[in-house]
């Protein structure tokens, strides 16, 4: 079996890379405006955001969608 995923634009990009790059681009305040979730509003950090996003699929989908629309 092949590990390639040609239809997945996020293949090979970790969630940590996604959150870090978005935070560098928008800052925490801008990121909270783009994706209205508390992990970006209340005492935000990469670690706490990753913990929340790994447990909450709808929020992860929104963050990944923002990443694709911003950097694609």
Protein backbone atom coordinates (compact mmCIF):
# COMPACT_ATOMS: atom_id res chain seq x y z
CA UNK A 1 0.00 0.00 0.00
CA UNK A 2 1.11 3.53 -0.75
CA UNK A 3 1.19 6.30 1.84
CA UNK A 4 0.42 8.99 -0.75
CA UNK A 5 -2.88 10.82 -0.49
CA UNK A 6 -3.21 12.95 -3.63
CA UNK A 7 -6.72 14.17 -2.72
CA UNK A 8 -5.71 15.37 0.75
CA UNK A 9 -4.12 18.84 0.58
CA UNK A 10 -3.11 18.61 4.25
CA UNK A 11 -1.23 15.33 3.86
CA UNK A 12 2.14 15.60 5.58
CA UNK A 13 1.20 18.74 7.53
CA UNK A 14 0.68 18.28 11.26
CA UNK A 15 -2.03 20.01 13.23
CA UNK A 16 0.71 21.77 15.19
CA UNK A 17 2.14 23.19 11.96
CA UNK A 18 -1.33 24.37 10.91
CA UNK A 19 -2.03 26.16 14.21
CA UNK A 20 1.48 27.64 14.42
CA UNK A 21 1.39 29.04 10.89
CA UNK A 22 -2.11 30.48 11.34
CA UNK A 23 -1.08 32.06 14.65
CA UNK A 24 1.98 33.62 13.03
CA UNK A 25 -0.14 34.96 10.16
CA UNK A 26 -3.19 36.24 12.08
CA UNK A 27 -2.05 36.47 15.70
CA UNK A 28 -4.30 35.14 18.46
CA UNK A 29 -6.84 37.99 18.18
CA UNK A 30 -7.13 37.67 14.43
CA UNK A 31 -7.39 33.91 14.66
CA UNK A 32 -10.18 34.22 17.24
CA UNK A 33 -12.05 36.51 14.82
CA UNK A 34 -11.62 34.05 11.95
CA UNK A 35 -12.58 30.97 13.98
CA UNK A 36 -14.83 31.78 16.92
CA UNK A 37 -13.64 29.24 19.49
CA UNK A 38 -12.58 29.90 23.07
CA UNK A 39 -9.19 28.19 22.81
CA UNK A 40 -8.09 31.16 20.67
CA UNK A 41 -9.73 33.77 22.93
CA UNK A 42 -9.10 32.83 26.55
CA UNK A 43 -5.41 32.48 27.48
CA UNK A 44 -4.42 31.01 24.10
CA UNK A 45 -1.39 28.84 23.54
CA UNK A 46 -0.34 26.34 20.91
CA UNK A 47 -0.46 23.49 23.45
CA UNK A 48 -3.97 24.24 24.76
CA UNK A 49 -5.29 24.84 21.24
CA UNK A 50 -3.91 21.51 20.03
CA UNK A 51 -5.45 19.70 22.98
CA UNK A 52 -8.88 21.17 22.21
CA UNK A 53 -8.66 20.71 18.44
CA UNK A 54 -7.62 17.06 18.73
CA UNK A 55 -10.75 16.34 20.79
CA UNK A 56 -13.21 18.51 18.83
CA UNK A 57 -13.62 17.54 15.17
CA UNK A 58 -15.91 20.44 14.12
CA UNK A 59 -13.39 22.98 15.41
CA UNK A 60 -10.51 21.17 13.75
CA UNK A 61 -12.42 21.19 10.45
CA UNK A 62 -12.87 24.96 10.71
CA UNK A 63 -9.19 25.55 11.48
CA UNK A 64 -8.05 23.28 8.65
CA UNK A 65 -10.47 25.02 6.28
CA UNK A 66 -9.08 28.41 7.29
CA UNK A 67 -5.55 27.14 6.70
CA UNK A 68 -6.44 25.91 3.22
CA UNK A 69 -8.24 29.12 2.25
CA UNK A 70 -5.40 31.27 3.61
CA UNK A 71 -2.37 29.45 2.25
CA UNK A 72 -3.66 27.51 -0.77
